[in-house]
Amino acid sequence: MTKLTLVVMAAGVGSRYGGPKQLEPIGPGGETFSDYSVYDALRAGFQKVVFILSKEIEEAFRNLVGKRIERHCKTEYVIQRLEDLPPGFSVPEGRKKPWGTAHAVLCCKGAVDSPFCVINADDFYGKDSFQKVAHFLSEPHGESPPACLVVHRLANTLSEHGPVTRGICQVDREGYLVRIDERHRVKRFGQKIKYSEDGEHWEEVSPESIVSMNMWGFTPHIFSELEARFPRFLQENRDDIKTAEFLLPSVVHDLVKEGRLRVKVLPTPERWFGITYQEDRETARRAVAELVRRGVYPERLWE
């Protein structure tokens, strides 16, 4: 049986939300998004979880979430620090936000030695998503390092309370990722969905478009690619180094374009939900309550 690890990125600052979304209770027993993700991952065959945290929320997260999960699987914690930089680089004055999702994954290099799934701590992905990643990572793939991406239908990923950013994916005939185009200010206009890069000119996009919600499957091979590309990112963004982010979708996009990585796209019918805005919190709680009512989850997840 293939050893599988779940990596949960929980170091974000939640600037639009106004607080640490990864600590927000959404279940009837006070469960967070991470609780439901780990629960689904364990049912799918994952055996270990690694949480990537910021120093600021480490204690609160361990006490609120970690203690529950530690009773059910091997659990490790990794701190994403601004100071974790390659030789020759230092933190620029005024930089406060984390270096981004690709840097977060790179930070857990020493804690992951098996195929792994990467997710956000403030998103709900659903049981089917974890089952598909577990199945893919457990299959033989020959000599080339396997990678996968779970994608959702765009119409299943929008917020009722404001615009969102979504990575719209293009896929080839064999079901492999060709490119990811990040679209900003995506929202509904009646029956239509549109996005705008400048807030003035709007482009329509199909509700059936498939989008990435940052649920990836990799092998440890990805760490060497991230390690090689991070110094290049810092050098290329030296004029914008206070705000630029080293993002996982961008790195994967480049690797695919260069022919260094093939990413199998795994569509899921699951309805994604998260909390981009404060108003999304009650929507998420109602969605979880309905899943509990239907028997998808027990009322007290870990009892």
Protein backbone atom coordinates (compact mmCIF):
# COMPACT_ATOMS: atom_id res chain seq x y z
CA MET A 1 0.00 0.00 0.00
CA THR A 2 1.39 3.40 -1.02
CA LYS A 3 2.11 5.75 1.85
CA LEU A 4 0.21 9.00 1.27
CA THR A 5 0.59 12.35 3.02
CA LEU A 6 -1.83 15.26 3.16
CA VAL A 7 -0.21 18.72 3.21
CA VAL A 8 -2.49 21.50 4.45
CA MET A 9 -1.45 25.09 3.73
CA ALA A 10 -2.66 27.05 6.75
CA ALA A 11 -0.21 29.97 6.96
CA GLY A 12 -2.28 32.54 5.06
CA VAL A 13 -3.18 35.85 6.66
CA GLY A 14 -6.78 36.16 5.37
CA SER A 15 -6.47 39.82 4.46
CA ARG A 16 -9.83 40.07 2.63
CA TYR A 17 -11.59 38.05 5.30
CA GLY A 18 -10.13 40.07 8.16
CA GLY A 19 -8.70 37.19 10.21
CA PRO A 20 -7.38 33.62 10.21
CA LYS A 21 -9.96 31.70 8.17
CA GLN A 22 -8.19 28.42 8.97
CA LEU A 23 -9.43 28.68 12.57
CA GLU A 24 -13.06 29.41 11.70
CA PRO A 25 -15.51 26.79 13.06
CA ILE A 26 -17.95 25.62 10.39
CA GLY A 27 -19.14 22.25 11.76
CA PRO A 28 -21.77 21.63 14.46
CA GLY A 29 -19.03 20.48 16.84
CA GLY A 30 -16.75 23.44 16.11
CA GLU A 31 -14.91 21.62 13.31
CA THR A 32 -12.86 23.67 10.83
CA PHE A 33 -12.34 23.12 7.11
CA SER A 34 -9.11 21.28 7.99
CA ASP A 35 -11.01 18.82 10.19
CA TYR A 36 -13.26 17.84 7.29
CA SER A 37 -10.37 17.63 4.84
CA VAL A 38 -8.32 15.37 7.11
CA TYR A 39 -11.38 13.23 7.85
CA ASP A 40 -12.02 12.74 4.12
CA ALA A 41 -8.32 12.14 3.42
CA LEU A 42 -8.06 9.42 6.08
CA ARG A 43 -11.13 7.68 4.65
CA ALA A 44 -9.47 7.83 1.21
CA GLY A 45 -6.30 6.12 2.44
CA PHE A 46 -3.96 8.91 3.54
CA GLN A 47 -1.98 8.10 6.68
CA LYS A 48 -0.22 11.34 7.65
CA VAL A 49 -0.94 15.07 7.68
CA VAL A 50 1.51 17.98 7.62
CA PHE A 51 0.18 21.43 8.52
CA ILE A 52 2.06 24.46 7.20
CA LEU A 53 1.50 27.28 9.69
CA SER A 54 2.68 30.79 10.44
CA LYS A 55 4.33 31.39 13.78
CA GLU A 56 1.50 33.77 14.70
CA ILE A 57 -1.22 31.11 14.62
CA GLU A 58 0.81 28.02 15.51
CA GLU A 59 -0.27 27.77 19.16
CA ALA A 60 -3.93 28.51 18.44
CA PHE A 61 -4.05 26.06 15.54
CA ARG A 62 -2.37 23.25 17.48
CA ASN A 63 -4.78 23.73 20.39
CA LEU A 64 -7.94 24.12 18.33
CA VAL A 65 -7.36 21.73 15.42
CA GLY A 66 -4.16 19.79 15.94
CA LYS A 67 -5.06 18.14 19.23
CA ARG A 68 -8.19 16.62 17.68
CA ILE A 69 -6.40 15.28 14.62
CA GLU A 70 -3.27 14.03 16.41
CA ARG A 71 -5.42 11.30 18.01
CA HIS A 72 -6.25 9.83 14.60
CA CYS A 73 -3.11 10.01 12.45
CA LYS A 74 0.54 10.97 12.41
CA THR A 75 0.61 14.78 12.46
CA GLU A 76 3.49 17.19 11.88
CA TYR A 77 3.73 20.98 11.85
CA VAL A 78 5.97 23.12 9.65
CA ILE A 79 6.39 26.87 10.08
CA GLN A 80 6.51 29.05 6.96
CA ARG A 81 8.86 31.92 7.74
CA LEU A 82 9.74 34.97 5.69
CA GLU A 83 13.37 34.30 6.65
CA ASP A 84 13.38 30.92 4.85
CA LEU A 85 15.28 32.21 1.83
CA PRO A 86 18.11 30.91 -0.38
CA PRO A 87 21.68 32.04 0.39
CA GLY A 88 22.34 35.60 -0.73
CA PHE A 89 18.77 36.83 -0.18
CA SER A 90 17.24 38.64 2.79
CA VAL A 91 13.74 39.76 3.76
CA PRO A 92 13.07 43.18 2.20
CA GLU A 93 12.06 45.99 4.51
CA GLY A 94 8.27 46.23 4.72
CA ARG A 95 7.57 42.65 3.59
CA LYS A 96 4.88 41.14 5.82
CA LYS A 97 2.83 38.62 3.79
CA PRO A 98 4.09 35.05 3.25
CA TRP A 99 6.07 34.25 0.10
CA GLY A 100 3.21 32.28 -1.43
CA THR A 101 1.93 28.75 -1.91
CA ALA A 102 4.97 27.38 -3.77
CA HIS A 103 7.19 28.60 -0.94
CA ALA A 104 4.81 27.02 1.58
CA VAL A 105 5.16 23.62 -0.10
CA LEU A 106 8.94 24.02 -0.27
CA CYS A 107 8.99 24.64 3.49
CA CYS A 108 7.63 21.13 4.16
CA LYS A 109 10.39 19.37 2.20
CA GLY A 110 11.88 17.79 5.33
CA ALA A 111 8.52 16.49 6.55
CA VAL A 112 7.32 14.74 3.37
CA ASP A 113 8.92 11.62 1.92
CA SER A 114 6.01 10.08 0.00
CA PRO A 115 3.42 11.03 -2.64
CA PHE A 116 1.31 13.84 -1.24
CA CYS A 117 -1.76 15.95 -1.75
CA VAL A 118 -1.64 19.73 -1.21
CA ILE A 119 -4.75 21.70 -0.23
CA ASN A 120 -5.76 25.04 1.27
CA ALA A 121 -6.87 25.07 4.90
CA ASP A 122 -9.84 27.34 4.20
CA ASP A 123 -11.52 25.38 1.40
CA PHE A 124 -13.96 22.45 1.41
CA TYR A 125 -13.14 19.89 -1.30
CA GLY A 126 -15.38 16.91 -0.54
CA LYS A 127 -14.92 13.17 -0.23
CA ASP A 128 -14.77 12.42 -3.96
CA SER A 129 -11.83 14.79 -4.46
CA PHE A 130 -9.62 13.01 -1.92
CA GLN A 131 -10.57 9.59 -3.24
CA LYS A 132 -9.52 10.57 -6.75
CA VAL A 133 -6.15 11.96 -5.64
CA ALA A 134 -5.46 8.90 -3.47
CA HIS A 135 -6.27 6.55 -6.34
CA PHE A 136 -4.07 8.47 -8.78
CA LEU A 137 -1.06 8.71 -6.46
CA SER A 138 -1.32 5.01 -5.58
CA GLU A 139 -1.17 3.87 -9.21
CA PRO A 140 2.13 2.94 -10.95
CA HIS A 141 3.30 5.71 -13.29
CA GLY A 142 6.58 4.42 -14.70
CA GLU A 143 9.70 6.56 -14.47
CA SER A 144 8.17 10.02 -14.93
CA PRO A 145 7.05 11.72 -11.67
CA PRO A 146 3.25 11.82 -11.53
CA ALA A 147 1.24 14.92 -10.70
CA CYS A 148 -2.47 15.63 -10.66
CA LEU A 149 -4.90 18.47 -10.14
CA VAL A 150 -8.50 18.23 -8.95
CA VAL A 151 -10.74 20.62 -10.86
CA HIS A 152 -14.24 21.88 -10.18
CA ARG A 153 -16.93 23.29 -12.42
CA LEU A 154 -16.62 27.09 -12.27
CA ALA A 155 -20.31 27.56 -11.43
CA ASN A 156 -19.77 25.40 -8.32
CA THR A 157 -17.04 27.62 -6.90
CA LEU A 158 -18.39 31.17 -6.73
CA SER A 159 -19.20 33.28 -3.70
CA GLU A 160 -22.62 34.83 -3.29
CA HIS A 161 -21.03 37.81 -1.54
CA GLY A 162 -18.41 39.19 -3.91
CA PRO A 163 -15.93 38.54 -6.71
CA VAL A 164 -13.28 35.83 -6.50
CA THR A 165 -10.09 34.86 -8.32
CA ARG A 166 -10.11 31.53 -10.17
CA GLY A 167 -7.53 29.58 -12.16
CA ILE A 168 -9.27 28.46 -15.35
CA CYS A 169 -7.69 25.33 -16.80
CA GLN A 170 -7.13 24.16 -20.35
CA VAL A 171 -6.81 20.40 -20.84
CA ASP A 172 -5.62 18.31 -23.78
CA ARG A 173 -7.45 15.33 -25.30
CA GLU A 174 -5.74 12.90 -22.93
CA GLY A 175 -6.91 14.82 -19.87
CA TYR A 176 -3.60 16.49 -19.03
CA LEU A 177 -3.17 20.13 -18.04
CA VAL A 178 -2.09 22.50 -20.81
CA ARG A 179 -2.24 25.82 -18.96
CA ILE A 180 -3.84 27.73 -16.11
CA ASP A 181 -5.12 31.26 -16.67
CA GLU A 182 -5.83 33.21 -13.51
CA ARG A 183 -8.95 35.32 -13.83
CA HIS A 184 -9.79 38.10 -11.39
CA ARG A 185 -13.08 39.57 -10.17
CA VAL A 186 -15.06 36.52 -11.25
CA LYS A 187 -18.74 36.83 -10.35
CA ARG A 188 -22.29 36.20 -11.51
CA PHE A 189 -24.33 38.63 -13.57
CA GLY A 190 -27.76 37.02 -13.53
CA GLN A 191 -27.39 33.75 -15.46
CA LYS A 192 -23.96 34.70 -16.79
CA ILE A 193 -20.50 34.60 -15.22
CA LYS A 194 -17.96 37.28 -16.08
CA TYR A 195 -14.50 38.39 -15.00
CA SER A 196 -12.56 41.62 -15.25
CA GLU A 197 -8.85 42.31 -14.98
CA ASP A 198 -9.28 46.07 -14.57
CA GLY A 199 -12.73 46.38 -12.94
CA GLU A 200 -14.18 48.11 -16.00
CA HIS A 201 -14.09 45.75 -18.98
CA TRP A 202 -15.89 42.45 -18.41
CA GLU A 203 -15.48 39.19 -20.30
CA GLU A 204 -18.00 36.35 -20.20
CA VAL A 205 -16.76 32.88 -19.23
CA SER A 206 -18.62 29.58 -19.42
CA PRO A 207 -20.11 28.22 -16.18
CA GLU A 208 -18.82 24.82 -17.36
CA SER A 209 -15.19 25.99 -17.35
CA ILE A 210 -13.01 23.86 -15.11
CA VAL A 211 -11.06 25.62 -12.40
CA SER A 212 -8.29 24.83 -9.95
CA MET A 213 -8.98 25.32 -6.25
CA ASN A 214 -5.38 24.49 -5.30
CA MET A 215 -5.80 20.75 -4.73
CA TRP A 216 -2.69 19.09 -6.15
CA GLY A 217 -1.06 15.68 -6.07
CA PHE A 218 2.74 15.43 -6.29
CA THR A 219 5.70 13.23 -5.46
CA PRO A 220 8.74 14.58 -3.54
CA HIS A 221 10.30 15.27 -6.96
CA ILE A 222 8.50 18.64 -6.93
CA PHE A 223 10.75 19.90 -4.11
CA SER A 224 13.86 20.02 -6.30
CA GLU A 225 11.95 22.04 -8.90
CA LEU A 226 10.71 24.51 -6.29
CA GLU A 227 14.17 24.79 -4.77
CA ALA A 228 15.70 25.60 -8.15
CA ARG A 229 13.03 28.14 -9.11
CA PHE A 230 12.68 30.13 -5.89
CA PRO A 231 15.97 32.06 -6.28
CA ARG A 232 15.00 32.80 -9.89
CA PHE A 233 11.63 34.14 -8.71
CA LEU A 234 13.31 36.42 -6.14
CA GLN A 235 15.74 37.74 -8.74
CA GLU A 236 13.09 38.33 -11.42
CA ASN A 237 10.77 40.11 -8.97
CA ARG A 238 13.35 42.27 -7.21
CA ASP A 239 11.47 45.44 -8.26
CA ASP A 240 8.24 44.13 -6.69
CA ILE A 241 9.76 42.05 -3.91
CA LYS A 242 7.59 43.50 -1.11
CA THR A 243 4.40 42.03 -2.56
CA ALA A 244 5.29 39.39 -5.21
CA GLU A 245 4.27 35.79 -4.43
CA PHE A 246 5.89 32.51 -5.44
CA LEU A 247 2.71 30.66 -6.39
CA LEU A 248 2.18 26.95 -7.00
CA PRO A 249 -0.07 27.37 -10.08
CA SER A 250 2.54 29.60 -11.73
CA VAL A 251 5.34 27.12 -11.09
CA VAL A 252 3.26 24.20 -12.37
CA HIS A 253 2.24 26.24 -15.44
CA ASP A 254 5.93 26.83 -16.25
CA LEU A 255 6.87 23.18 -15.66
CA VAL A 256 4.07 22.02 -17.97
CA LYS A 257 5.06 24.56 -20.63
CA GLU A 258 8.69 23.40 -20.45
CA GLY A 259 7.68 19.76 -20.72
CA ARG A 260 9.13 18.94 -17.29
CA LEU A 261 5.86 17.83 -15.70
CA ARG A 262 2.64 16.16 -16.86
CA VAL A 263 -0.37 16.95 -14.68
CA LYS A 264 -3.41 14.69 -14.91
CA VAL A 265 -6.64 16.65 -14.46
CA LEU A 266 -9.20 14.97 -12.20
CA PRO A 267 -12.70 16.49 -12.48
CA THR A 268 -14.94 16.21 -9.43
CA PRO A 269 -18.69 16.81 -9.18
CA GLU A 270 -18.24 18.06 -5.60
CA ARG A 271 -19.54 21.51 -4.81
CA TRP A 272 -16.66 23.55 -3.43
CA PHE A 273 -17.22 26.15 -0.75
CA GLY A 274 -14.97 28.39 1.29
CA ILE A 275 -14.93 31.70 3.13
CA THR A 276 -13.49 34.52 1.06
CA TYR A 277 -15.75 37.06 2.79
CA GLN A 278 -17.23 37.27 6.29
CA GLU A 279 -20.68 36.66 4.82
CA ASP A 280 -19.49 33.31 3.39
CA ARG A 281 -19.18 31.90 6.91
CA GLU A 282 -22.90 31.26 7.37
CA THR A 283 -23.18 29.84 3.84
CA ALA A 284 -20.42 27.36 4.69
CA ARG A 285 -22.05 26.40 7.97
CA ARG A 286 -25.38 25.77 6.26
CA ALA A 287 -23.65 23.64 3.61
CA VAL A 288 -21.95 21.50 6.27
CA ALA A 289 -25.20 21.20 8.25
CA GLU A 290 -26.92 19.87 5.12
CA LEU A 291 -24.13 17.29 4.58
CA VAL A 292 -24.53 16.19 8.20
CA ARG A 293 -28.30 15.95 7.76
CA ARG A 294 -27.77 13.74 4.71
CA GLY A 295 -25.43 11.45 6.64
CA VAL A 296 -22.27 12.31 4.67
CA TYR A 297 -20.59 13.31 7.95
CA PRO A 298 -21.40 12.52 11.59
CA GLU A 299 -22.60 15.40 13.74
CA ARG A 300 -19.43 15.20 15.85
CA LEU A 301 -16.69 14.42 13.37
CA TRP A 302 -14.06 12.85 15.64
CA GLU A 303 -16.23 11.07 18.22
